Amino acid sequence: MLKGLLLSVIVGLASYYSDSFEGKRTASGETFRQAKFTGASNRFRLGTYVKVINISNNKSVIVKINDRVKNPNVLIDLSESAARQLGFIRKGIIKVKVEEIK
């Protein structure tokens, strides 16, 4: 378990990357991989770790922010592996709580 100081909490919408992004460069310069636990957000600094909680089922995942969101209506865009852990592959978009971890 990752322990640390909680810096901020934001509620908003989460979506996940399509397979067309596999292997492409992220804003941080890393190569995007659906199998890694990563996310894109304009609200958190690149390299920040956040805990994402699916409000409807209370499932959570910790991801590293390594890219920027293109859709202004989405708080965080997640890799497929992170979306699967949260249980929203079939829905495509869900309401989440995102907690920044120091």
PDB file of N, CA and C in Angstrom:
ATOM      1  N   MET A   1       0.836  -1.182   0.000  1.00  0.00           N
ATOM      2  CA  MET A   1       0.000   0.000   0.000  1.00  0.00           C
ATOM      3  C   MET A   1       0.878   1.240   0.000  1.00  0.00           C
ATOM      4  N   LEU A   2       0.504   2.203  -0.803  1.00  0.00           N
ATOM      5  CA  LEU A   2       1.238   3.443  -0.893  1.00  0.00           C
ATOM      6  C   LEU A   2       0.745   4.385   0.183  1.00  0.00           C
ATOM      7  N   LYS A   3       1.629   4.786   1.096  1.00  0.00           N
ATOM      8  CA  LYS A   3       1.247   5.714   2.153  1.00  0.00           C
ATOM      9  C   LYS A   3       1.799   7.085   1.820  1.00  0.00           C
ATOM     10  N   GLY A   4       1.121   8.105   2.276  1.00  0.00           N
ATOM     11  CA  GLY A   4       1.616   9.443   2.023  1.00  0.00           C
ATOM     12  C   GLY A   4       0.634  10.495   2.464  1.00  0.00           C
ATOM     13  N   LEU A   5       1.003  11.706   2.252  1.00  0.00           N
ATOM     14  CA  LEU A   5       0.199  12.854   2.601  1.00  0.00           C
ATOM     15  C   LEU A   5      -0.823  13.100   1.505  1.00  0.00           C
ATOM     16  N   LEU A   6      -2.080  13.224   1.874  1.00  0.00           N
ATOM     17  CA  LEU A   6      -3.141  13.519   0.927  1.00  0.00           C
ATOM     18  C   LEU A   6      -3.123  15.006   0.641  1.00  0.00           C
ATOM     19  N   LEU A   7      -2.983  15.381  -0.641  1.00  0.00           N
ATOM     20  CA  LEU A   7      -2.845  16.786  -1.003  1.00  0.00           C
ATOM     21  C   LEU A   7      -4.143  17.420  -1.498  1.00  0.00           C
ATOM     22  N   SER A   8      -4.889  16.733  -2.329  1.00  0.00           N
ATOM     23  CA  SER A   8      -6.149  17.287  -2.808  1.00  0.00           C
ATOM     24  C   SER A   8      -7.077  16.173  -3.258  1.00  0.00           C
ATOM     25  N   VAL A   9      -8.374  16.461  -3.234  1.00  0.00           N
ATOM     26  CA  VAL A   9      -9.397  15.511  -3.661  1.00  0.00           C
ATOM     27  C   VAL A   9     -10.316  16.231  -4.642  1.00  0.00           C
ATOM     28  N   ILE A  10     -10.546  15.604  -5.800  1.00  0.00           N
ATOM     29  CA  ILE A  10     -11.406  16.185  -6.826  1.00  0.00           C
ATOM     30  C   ILE A  10     -12.383  15.119  -7.308  1.00  0.00           C
ATOM     31  N   VAL A  11     -13.644  15.494  -7.512  1.00  0.00           N
ATOM     32  CA  VAL A  11     -14.652  14.594  -8.059  1.00  0.00           C
ATOM     33  C   VAL A  11     -14.925  15.024  -9.494  1.00  0.00           C
ATOM     34  N   GLY A  12     -14.996  14.042 -10.393  1.00  0.00           N
ATOM     35  CA  GLY A  12     -15.253  14.340 -11.802  1.00  0.00           C
ATOM     36  C   GLY A  12     -15.449  13.073 -12.598  1.00  0.00           C
ATOM     37  N   LEU A  13     -15.366  13.192 -13.912  1.00  0.00           N
ATOM     38  CA  LEU A  13     -15.583  12.058 -14.804  1.00  0.00           C
ATOM     39  C   LEU A  13     -14.264  11.411 -15.202  1.00  0.00           C
ATOM     40  N   ALA A  14     -14.305  10.082 -15.336  1.00  0.00           N
ATOM     41  CA  ALA A  14     -13.157   9.320 -15.818  1.00  0.00           C
ATOM     42  C   ALA A  14     -13.566   8.555 -17.067  1.00  0.00           C
ATOM     43  N   SER A  15     -12.632   8.471 -17.994  1.00  0.00           N
ATOM     44  CA  SER A  15     -12.788   7.648 -19.185  1.00  0.00           C
ATOM     45  C   SER A  15     -11.512   6.834 -19.323  1.00  0.00           C
ATOM     46  N   TYR A  16     -11.384   6.075 -20.408  1.00  0.00           N
ATOM     47  CA  TYR A  16     -10.131   5.361 -20.605  1.00  0.00           C
ATOM     48  C   TYR A  16      -9.704   5.427 -22.065  1.00  0.00           C
ATOM     49  N   TYR A  17      -8.392   5.269 -22.258  1.00  0.00           N
ATOM     50  CA  TYR A  17      -7.770   5.377 -23.573  1.00  0.00           C
ATOM     51  C   TYR A  17      -8.266   4.283 -24.523  1.00  0.00           C
ATOM     52  N   SER A  18      -8.399   4.642 -25.785  1.00  0.00           N
ATOM     53  CA  SER A  18      -8.677   3.633 -26.804  1.00  0.00           C
ATOM     54  C   SER A  18      -7.360   2.932 -27.150  1.00  0.00           C
ATOM     55  N   ASP A  19      -7.463   1.780 -27.764  1.00  0.00           N
ATOM     56  CA  ASP A  19      -6.274   1.009 -28.139  1.00  0.00           C
ATOM     57  C   ASP A  19      -5.392   1.733 -29.152  1.00  0.00           C
ATOM     58  N   SER A  20      -5.929   2.737 -29.836  1.00  0.00           N
ATOM     59  CA  SER A  20      -5.150   3.451 -30.858  1.00  0.00           C
ATOM     60  C   SER A  20      -3.969   4.221 -30.259  1.00  0.00           C
ATOM     61  N   PHE A  21      -3.955   4.432 -28.935  1.00  0.00           N
ATOM     62  CA  PHE A  21      -2.858   5.158 -28.288  1.00  0.00           C
ATOM     63  C   PHE A  21      -1.701   4.241 -27.880  1.00  0.00           C
ATOM     64  N   GLU A  22      -1.905   2.932 -27.945  1.00  0.00           N
ATOM     65  CA  GLU A  22      -0.873   1.970 -27.543  1.00  0.00           C
ATOM     66  C   GLU A  22       0.435   2.243 -28.306  1.00  0.00           C
ATOM     67  N   GLY A  23       1.526   2.387 -27.535  1.00  0.00           N
ATOM     68  CA  GLY A  23       2.844   2.595 -28.126  1.00  0.00           C
ATOM     69  C   GLY A  23       3.193   4.031 -28.464  1.00  0.00           C
ATOM     70  N   LYS A  24       2.250   4.954 -28.308  1.00  0.00           N
ATOM     71  CA  LYS A  24       2.518   6.359 -28.613  1.00  0.00           C
ATOM     72  C   LYS A  24       3.136   7.054 -27.409  1.00  0.00           C
ATOM     73  N   ARG A  25       3.788   8.159 -27.647  1.00  0.00           N
ATOM     74  CA  ARG A  25       4.425   8.942 -26.587  1.00  0.00           C
ATOM     75  C   ARG A  25       3.387   9.743 -25.820  1.00  0.00           C
ATOM     76  N   THR A  26       3.562   9.806 -24.495  1.00  0.00           N
ATOM     77  CA  THR A  26       2.706  10.616 -23.636  1.00  0.00           C
ATOM     78  C   THR A  26       3.359  11.986 -23.458  1.00  0.00           C
ATOM     79  N   ALA A  27       2.670  12.890 -22.798  1.00  0.00           N
ATOM     80  CA  ALA A  27       3.202  14.237 -22.552  1.00  0.00           C
ATOM     81  C   ALA A  27       4.487  14.197 -21.720  1.00  0.00           C
ATOM     82  N   SER A  28       4.652  13.155 -20.911  1.00  0.00           N
ATOM     83  CA  SER A  28       5.858  13.035 -20.085  1.00  0.00           C
ATOM     84  C   SER A  28       7.025  12.440 -20.858  1.00  0.00           C
ATOM     85  N   GLY A  29       6.764  11.961 -22.074  1.00  0.00           N
ATOM     86  CA  GLY A  29       7.801  11.330 -22.879  1.00  0.00           C
ATOM     87  C   GLY A  29       7.815   9.813 -22.763  1.00  0.00           C
ATOM     88  N   GLU A  30       7.020   9.261 -21.842  1.00  0.00           N
ATOM     89  CA  GLU A  30       6.933   7.807 -21.689  1.00  0.00           C
ATOM     90  C   GLU A  30       6.117   7.219 -22.840  1.00  0.00           C
ATOM     91  N   THR A  31       6.312   5.942 -23.100  1.00  0.00           N
ATOM     92  CA  THR A  31       5.514   5.237 -24.087  1.00  0.00           C
ATOM     93  C   THR A  31       4.247   4.728 -23.412  1.00  0.00           C
ATOM     94  N   PHE A  32       3.093   5.017 -24.014  1.00  0.00           N
ATOM     95  CA  PHE A  32       1.827   4.577 -23.431  1.00  0.00           C
ATOM     96  C   PHE A  32       1.648   3.085 -23.609  1.00  0.00           C
ATOM     97  N   ARG A  33       1.256   2.419 -22.541  1.00  0.00           N
ATOM     98  CA  ARG A  33       0.941   0.990 -22.539  1.00  0.00           C
ATOM     99  C   ARG A  33      -0.367   0.767 -21.779  1.00  0.00           C
ATOM    100  N   GLN A  34      -1.313   0.084 -22.412  1.00  0.00           N
ATOM    101  CA  GLN A  34      -2.598  -0.202 -21.773  1.00  0.00           C
ATOM    102  C   GLN A  34      -2.423  -1.039 -20.506  1.00  0.00           C
ATOM    103  N   ALA A  35      -1.376  -1.853 -20.440  1.00  0.00           N
ATOM    104  CA  ALA A  35      -1.162  -2.760 -19.309  1.00  0.00           C
ATOM    105  C   ALA A  35      -0.629  -2.053 -18.057  1.00  0.00           C
ATOM    106  N   LYS A  36      -0.123  -0.837 -18.207  1.00  0.00           N
ATOM    107  CA  LYS A  36       0.412  -0.107 -17.052  1.00  0.00           C
ATOM    108  C   LYS A  36      -0.697   0.694 -16.374  1.00  0.00           C
ATOM    109  N   PHE A  37      -0.485   1.010 -15.109  1.00  0.00           N
ATOM    110  CA  PHE A  37      -1.467   1.790 -14.351  1.00  0.00           C
ATOM    111  C   PHE A  37      -1.092   3.265 -14.441  1.00  0.00           C
ATOM    112  N   THR A  38      -1.589   3.908 -15.499  1.00  0.00           N
ATOM    113  CA  THR A  38      -1.279   5.312 -15.749  1.00  0.00           C
ATOM    114  C   THR A  38      -2.551   6.074 -16.064  1.00  0.00           C
ATOM    115  N   GLY A  39      -2.430   7.403 -16.031  1.00  0.00           N
ATOM    116  CA  GLY A  39      -3.569   8.250 -16.331  1.00  0.00           C
ATOM    117  C   GLY A  39      -3.143   9.577 -16.929  1.00  0.00           C
ATOM    118  N   ALA A  40      -4.101  10.238 -17.547  1.00  0.00           N
ATOM    119  CA  ALA A  40      -3.913  11.559 -18.115  1.00  0.00           C
ATOM    120  C   ALA A  40      -4.843  12.526 -17.389  1.00  0.00           C
ATOM    121  N   SER A  41      -4.327  13.685 -17.007  1.00  0.00           N
ATOM    122  CA  SER A  41      -5.149  14.689 -16.346  1.00  0.00           C
ATOM    123  C   SER A  41      -4.514  16.056 -16.531  1.00  0.00           C
ATOM    124  N   ASN A  42      -5.362  17.065 -16.605  1.00  0.00           N
ATOM    125  CA  ASN A  42      -4.870  18.443 -16.672  1.00  0.00           C
ATOM    126  C   ASN A  42      -4.849  19.093 -15.297  1.00  0.00           C
ATOM    127  N   ARG A  43      -5.347  18.399 -14.292  1.00  0.00           N
ATOM    128  CA  ARG A  43      -5.441  18.957 -12.937  1.00  0.00           C
ATOM    129  C   ARG A  43      -4.264  18.590 -12.037  1.00  0.00           C
ATOM    130  N   PHE A  44      -3.450  17.618 -12.455  1.00  0.00           N
ATOM    131  CA  PHE A  44      -2.328  17.152 -11.644  1.00  0.00           C
ATOM    132  C   PHE A  44      -1.037  17.236 -12.444  1.00  0.00           C
ATOM    133  N   ARG A  45       0.066  17.476 -11.749  1.00  0.00           N
ATOM    134  CA  ARG A  45       1.372  17.550 -12.401  1.00  0.00           C
ATOM    135  C   ARG A  45       1.763  16.194 -12.969  1.00  0.00           C
ATOM    136  N   LEU A  46       2.512  16.204 -14.056  1.00  0.00           N
ATOM    137  CA  LEU A  46       3.065  14.967 -14.599  1.00  0.00           C
ATOM    138  C   LEU A  46       3.960  14.337 -13.537  1.00  0.00           C
ATOM    139  N   GLY A  47       3.882  13.024 -13.399  1.00  0.00           N
ATOM    140  CA  GLY A  47       4.664  12.308 -12.405  1.00  0.00           C
ATOM    141  C   GLY A  47       3.962  12.132 -11.070  1.00  0.00           C
ATOM    142  N   THR A  48       2.817  12.773 -10.892  1.00  0.00           N
ATOM    143  CA  THR A  48       2.048  12.671  -9.651  1.00  0.00           C
ATOM    144  C   THR A  48       1.329  11.326  -9.594  1.00  0.00           C
ATOM    145  N   TYR A  49       1.295  10.727  -8.409  1.00  0.00           N
ATOM    146  CA  TYR A  49       0.504   9.517  -8.185  1.00  0.00           C
ATOM    147  C   TYR A  49      -0.830   9.923  -7.566  1.00  0.00           C
ATOM    148  N   VAL A  50      -1.908   9.320  -8.083  1.00  0.00           N
ATOM    149  CA  VAL A  50      -3.239   9.604  -7.569  1.00  0.00           C
ATOM    150  C   VAL A  50      -3.983   8.297  -7.326  1.00  0.00           C
ATOM    151  N   LYS A  51      -4.878   8.340  -6.350  1.00  0.00           N
ATOM    152  CA  LYS A  51      -5.785   7.224  -6.094  1.00  0.00           C
ATOM    153  C   LYS A  51      -7.109   7.586  -6.738  1.00  0.00           C
ATOM    154  N   VAL A  52      -7.608   6.720  -7.604  1.00  0.00           N
ATOM    155  CA  VAL A  52      -8.868   6.949  -8.307  1.00  0.00           C
ATOM    156  C   VAL A  52      -9.897   5.973  -7.734  1.00  0.00           C
ATOM    157  N   ILE A  53     -11.031   6.504  -7.282  1.00  0.00           N
ATOM    158  CA  ILE A  53     -12.079   5.691  -6.658  1.00  0.00           C
ATOM    159  C   ILE A  53     -13.348   5.787  -7.497  1.00  0.00           C
ATOM    160  N   ASN A  54     -13.856   4.633  -7.915  1.00  0.00           N
ATOM    161  CA  ASN A  54     -15.124   4.560  -8.630  1.00  0.00           C
ATOM    162  C   ASN A  54     -16.227   4.782  -7.594  1.00  0.00           C
ATOM    163  N   ILE A  55     -16.947   5.875  -7.700  1.00  0.00           N
ATOM    164  CA  ILE A  55     -17.956   6.240  -6.703  1.00  0.00           C
ATOM    165  C   ILE A  55     -19.101   5.221  -6.640  1.00  0.00           C
ATOM    166  N   SER A  56     -19.431   4.577  -7.749  1.00  0.00           N
ATOM    167  CA  SER A  56     -20.570   3.655  -7.762  1.00  0.00           C
ATOM    168  C   SER A  56     -20.285   2.302  -7.113  1.00  0.00           C
ATOM    169  N   ASN A  57     -19.006   1.849  -7.083  1.00  0.00           N
ATOM    170  CA  ASN A  57     -18.726   0.534  -6.503  1.00  0.00           C
ATOM    171  C   ASN A  57     -17.596   0.549  -5.464  1.00  0.00           C
ATOM    172  N   ASN A  58     -17.020   1.716  -5.241  1.00  0.00           N
ATOM    173  CA  ASN A  58     -15.958   1.923  -4.249  1.00  0.00           C
ATOM    174  C   ASN A  58     -14.647   1.192  -4.567  1.00  0.00           C
ATOM    175  N   LYS A  59     -14.484   0.698  -5.791  1.00  0.00           N
ATOM    176  CA  LYS A  59     -13.211   0.095  -6.200  1.00  0.00           C
ATOM    177  C   LYS A  59     -12.213   1.224  -6.436  1.00  0.00           C
ATOM    178  N   SER A  60     -10.928   0.934  -6.180  1.00  0.00           N
ATOM    179  CA  SER A  60      -9.923   1.981  -6.346  1.00  0.00           C
ATOM    180  C   SER A  60      -8.663   1.435  -6.996  1.00  0.00           C
ATOM    181  N   VAL A  61      -7.867   2.351  -7.527  1.00  0.00           N
ATOM    182  CA  VAL A  61      -6.597   2.027  -8.164  1.00  0.00           C
ATOM    183  C   VAL A  61      -5.670   3.229  -8.002  1.00  0.00           C
ATOM    184  N   ILE A  62      -4.380   2.977  -7.922  1.00  0.00           N
ATOM    185  CA  ILE A  62      -3.393   4.049  -7.883  1.00  0.00           C
ATOM    186  C   ILE A  62      -2.689   4.089  -9.235  1.00  0.00           C
ATOM    187  N   VAL A  63      -2.661   5.284  -9.833  1.00  0.00           N
ATOM    188  CA  VAL A  63      -2.038   5.460 -11.145  1.00  0.00           C
ATOM    189  C   VAL A  63      -1.063   6.623 -11.112  1.00  0.00           C
ATOM    190  N   LYS A  64      -0.149   6.591 -12.061  1.00  0.00           N
ATOM    191  CA  LYS A  64       0.808   7.683 -12.253  1.00  0.00           C
ATOM    192  C   LYS A  64       0.308   8.563 -13.400  1.00  0.00           C
ATOM    193  N   ILE A  65       0.240   9.866 -13.173  1.00  0.00           N
ATOM    194  CA  ILE A  65      -0.155  10.804 -14.229  1.00  0.00           C
ATOM    195  C   ILE A  65       1.045  11.016 -15.151  1.00  0.00           C
ATOM    196  N   ASN A  66       0.882  10.613 -16.415  1.00  0.00           N
ATOM    197  CA  ASN A  66       1.986  10.772 -17.367  1.00  0.00           C
ATOM    198  C   ASN A  66       1.549  11.391 -18.685  1.00  0.00           C
ATOM    199  N   ASP A  67       0.303  11.890 -18.732  1.00  0.00           N
ATOM    200  CA  ASP A  67      -0.197  12.480 -19.968  1.00  0.00           C
ATOM    201  C   ASP A  67      -1.238  13.547 -19.650  1.00  0.00           C
ATOM    202  N   ARG A  68      -1.686  14.237 -20.672  1.00  0.00           N
ATOM    203  CA  ARG A  68      -2.684  15.292 -20.547  1.00  0.00           C
ATOM    204  C   ARG A  68      -3.983  14.883 -21.230  1.00  0.00           C
ATOM    205  N   VAL A  69      -5.103  15.285 -20.655  1.00  0.00           N
ATOM    206  CA  VAL A  69      -6.428  14.960 -21.178  1.00  0.00           C
ATOM    207  C   VAL A  69      -6.746  15.877 -22.358  1.00  0.00           C
ATOM    208  N   LYS A  70      -7.337  15.290 -23.388  1.00  0.00           N
ATOM    209  CA  LYS A  70      -7.756  16.077 -24.559  1.00  0.00           C
ATOM    210  C   LYS A  70      -9.195  16.579 -24.411  1.00  0.00           C
ATOM    211  N   ASN A  71     -10.049  15.817 -23.708  1.00  0.00           N
ATOM    212  CA  ASN A  71     -11.455  16.156 -23.521  1.00  0.00           C
ATOM    213  C   ASN A  71     -11.613  17.036 -22.270  1.00  0.00           C
ATOM    214  N   PRO A  72     -12.047  18.298 -22.411  1.00  0.00           N
ATOM    215  CA  PRO A  72     -12.166  19.191 -21.250  1.00  0.00           C
ATOM    216  C   PRO A  72     -13.232  18.772 -20.237  1.00  0.00           C
ATOM    217  N   ASN A  73     -14.131  17.854 -20.610  1.00  0.00           N
ATOM    218  CA  ASN A  73     -15.181  17.401 -19.697  1.00  0.00           C
ATOM    219  C   ASN A  73     -14.738  16.242 -18.805  1.00  0.00           C
ATOM    220  N   VAL A  74     -13.526  15.722 -19.036  1.00  0.00           N
ATOM    221  CA  VAL A  74     -13.029  14.558 -18.309  1.00  0.00           C
ATOM    222  C   VAL A  74     -11.927  14.981 -17.339  1.00  0.00           C
ATOM    223  N   LEU A  75     -12.046  14.556 -16.099  1.00  0.00           N
ATOM    224  CA  LEU A  75     -11.029  14.837 -15.079  1.00  0.00           C
ATOM    225  C   LEU A  75      -9.792  13.978 -15.295  1.00  0.00           C
ATOM    226  N   ILE A  76     -10.007  12.688 -15.610  1.00  0.00           N
ATOM    227  CA  ILE A  76      -8.891  11.767 -15.771  1.00  0.00           C
ATOM    228  C   ILE A  76      -9.221  10.722 -16.829  1.00  0.00           C
ATOM    229  N   ASP A  77      -8.229  10.418 -17.644  1.00  0.00           N
ATOM    230  CA  ASP A  77      -8.325   9.403 -18.676  1.00  0.00           C
ATOM    231  C   ASP A  77      -7.361   8.299 -18.261  1.00  0.00           C
ATOM    232  N   LEU A  78      -7.835   7.075 -18.142  1.00  0.00           N
ATOM    233  CA  LEU A  78      -7.047   5.986 -17.574  1.00  0.00           C
ATOM    234  C   LEU A  78      -6.644   4.940 -18.610  1.00  0.00           C
ATOM    235  N   SER A  79      -5.588   4.211 -18.303  1.00  0.00           N
ATOM    236  CA  SER A  79      -5.220   3.062 -19.119  1.00  0.00           C
ATOM    237  C   SER A  79      -6.307   1.996 -18.962  1.00  0.00           C
ATOM    238  N   GLU A  80      -6.362   1.065 -19.907  1.00  0.00           N
ATOM    239  CA  GLU A  80      -7.383   0.021 -19.848  1.00  0.00           C
ATOM    240  C   GLU A  80      -7.245  -0.841 -18.595  1.00  0.00           C
ATOM    241  N   SER A  81      -6.022  -1.144 -18.181  1.00  0.00           N
ATOM    242  CA  SER A  81      -5.835  -1.980 -16.987  1.00  0.00           C
ATOM    243  C   SER A  81      -6.378  -1.286 -15.738  1.00  0.00           C
ATOM    244  N   ALA A  82      -6.205   0.021 -15.641  1.00  0.00           N
ATOM    245  CA  ALA A  82      -6.745   0.774 -14.502  1.00  0.00           C
ATOM    246  C   ALA A  82      -8.272   0.807 -14.566  1.00  0.00           C
ATOM    247  N   ALA A  83      -8.823   1.007 -15.764  1.00  0.00           N
ATOM    248  CA  ALA A  83     -10.283   1.028 -15.934  1.00  0.00           C
ATOM    249  C   ALA A  83     -10.896  -0.327 -15.587  1.00  0.00           C
ATOM    250  N   ARG A  84     -10.224  -1.407 -15.951  1.00  0.00           N
ATOM    251  CA  ARG A  84     -10.713  -2.753 -15.615  1.00  0.00           C
ATOM    252  C   ARG A  84     -10.758  -2.949 -14.106  1.00  0.00           C
ATOM    253  N   GLN A  85      -9.698  -2.492 -13.427  1.00  0.00           N
ATOM    254  CA  GLN A  85      -9.668  -2.648 -11.975  1.00  0.00           C
ATOM    255  C   GLN A  85     -10.802  -1.867 -11.318  1.00  0.00           C
ATOM    256  N   LEU A  86     -11.175  -0.734 -11.907  1.00  0.00           N
ATOM    257  CA  LEU A  86     -12.276   0.070 -11.375  1.00  0.00           C
ATOM    258  C   LEU A  86     -13.646  -0.466 -11.799  1.00  0.00           C
ATOM    259  N   GLY A  87     -13.666  -1.377 -12.770  1.00  0.00           N
ATOM    260  CA  GLY A  87     -14.914  -2.012 -13.184  1.00  0.00           C
ATOM    261  C   GLY A  87     -15.792  -1.189 -14.102  1.00  0.00           C
ATOM    262  N   PHE A  88     -15.177  -0.424 -15.026  1.00  0.00           N
ATOM    263  CA  PHE A  88     -16.049   0.374 -15.904  1.00  0.00           C
ATOM    264  C   PHE A  88     -15.746   0.237 -17.396  1.00  0.00           C
ATOM    265  N   ILE A  89     -15.180  -0.875 -17.802  1.00  0.00           N
ATOM    266  CA  ILE A  89     -14.889  -1.074 -19.223  1.00  0.00           C
ATOM    267  C   ILE A  89     -16.159  -1.001 -20.074  1.00  0.00           C
ATOM    268  N   ARG A  90     -17.227  -1.600 -19.634  1.00  0.00           N
ATOM    269  CA  ARG A  90     -18.462  -1.599 -20.429  1.00  0.00           C
ATOM    270  C   ARG A  90     -19.167  -0.248 -20.431  1.00  0.00           C
ATOM    271  N   LYS A  91     -19.030   0.517 -19.355  1.00  0.00           N
ATOM    272  CA  LYS A  91     -19.695   1.822 -19.273  1.00  0.00           C
ATOM    273  C   LYS A  91     -18.972   2.878 -20.092  1.00  0.00           C
ATOM    274  N   GLY A  92     -17.644   2.857 -20.077  1.00  0.00           N
ATOM    275  CA  GLY A  92     -16.862   3.812 -20.849  1.00  0.00           C
ATOM    276  C   GLY A  92     -16.533   5.100 -20.123  1.00  0.00           C
ATOM    277  N   ILE A  93     -17.455   5.572 -19.293  1.00  0.00           N
ATOM    278  CA  ILE A  93     -17.223   6.798 -18.528  1.00  0.00           C
ATOM    279  C   ILE A  93     -17.967   6.688 -17.194  1.00  0.00           C
ATOM    280  N   ILE A  94     -17.316   7.121 -16.122  1.00  0.00           N
ATOM    281  CA  ILE A  94     -17.914   7.024 -14.786  1.00  0.00           C
ATOM    282  C   ILE A  94     -17.552   8.251 -13.955  1.00  0.00           C
ATOM    283  N   LYS A  95     -18.253   8.405 -12.848  1.00  0.00           N
ATOM    284  CA  LYS A  95     -17.941   9.456 -11.887  1.00  0.00           C
ATOM    285  C   LYS A  95     -16.942   8.875 -10.876  1.00  0.00           C
ATOM    286  N   VAL A  96     -15.864   9.628 -10.639  1.00  0.00           N
ATOM    287  CA  VAL A  96     -14.803   9.165  -9.733  1.00  0.00           C
ATOM    288  C   VAL A  96     -14.411  10.258  -8.757  1.00  0.00           C
ATOM    289  N   LYS A  97     -13.754   9.809  -7.698  1.00  0.00           N
ATOM    290  CA  LYS A  97     -13.080  10.717  -6.774  1.00  0.00           C
ATOM    291  C   LYS A  97     -11.596  10.454  -6.960  1.00  0.00           C
ATOM    292  N   VAL A  98     -10.818  11.520  -7.150  1.00  0.00           N
ATOM    293  CA  VAL A  98      -9.379  11.391  -7.361  1.00  0.00           C
ATOM    294  C   VAL A  98      -8.656  12.098  -6.236  1.00  0.00           C
ATOM    295  N   GLU A  99      -7.786  11.339  -5.553  1.00  0.00           N
ATOM    296  CA  GLU A  99      -7.013  11.855  -4.425  1.00  0.00           C
ATOM    297  C   GLU A  99      -5.538  11.890  -4.794  1.00  0.00           C
ATOM    298  N   GLU A 100      -4.953  13.075  -4.736  1.00  0.00           N
ATOM    299  CA  GLU A 100      -3.522  13.194  -5.008  1.00  0.00           C
ATOM    300  C   GLU A 100      -2.735  12.658  -3.813  1.00  0.00           C
ATOM    301  N   ILE A 101      -1.687  11.886  -4.102  1.00  0.00           N
ATOM    302  CA  ILE A 101      -0.853  11.294  -3.062  1.00  0.00           C
ATOM    303  C   ILE A 101       0.550  11.864  -3.174  1.00  0.00           C
ATOM    304  N   LYS A 102       1.109  12.278  -2.045  1.00  0.00           N
ATOM    305  CA  LYS A 102       2.487  12.799  -2.042  1.00  0.00           C
ATOM    306  C   LYS A 102       3.438  11.646  -1.880  1.00  0.00           C
TER     307      LYS A 102
END
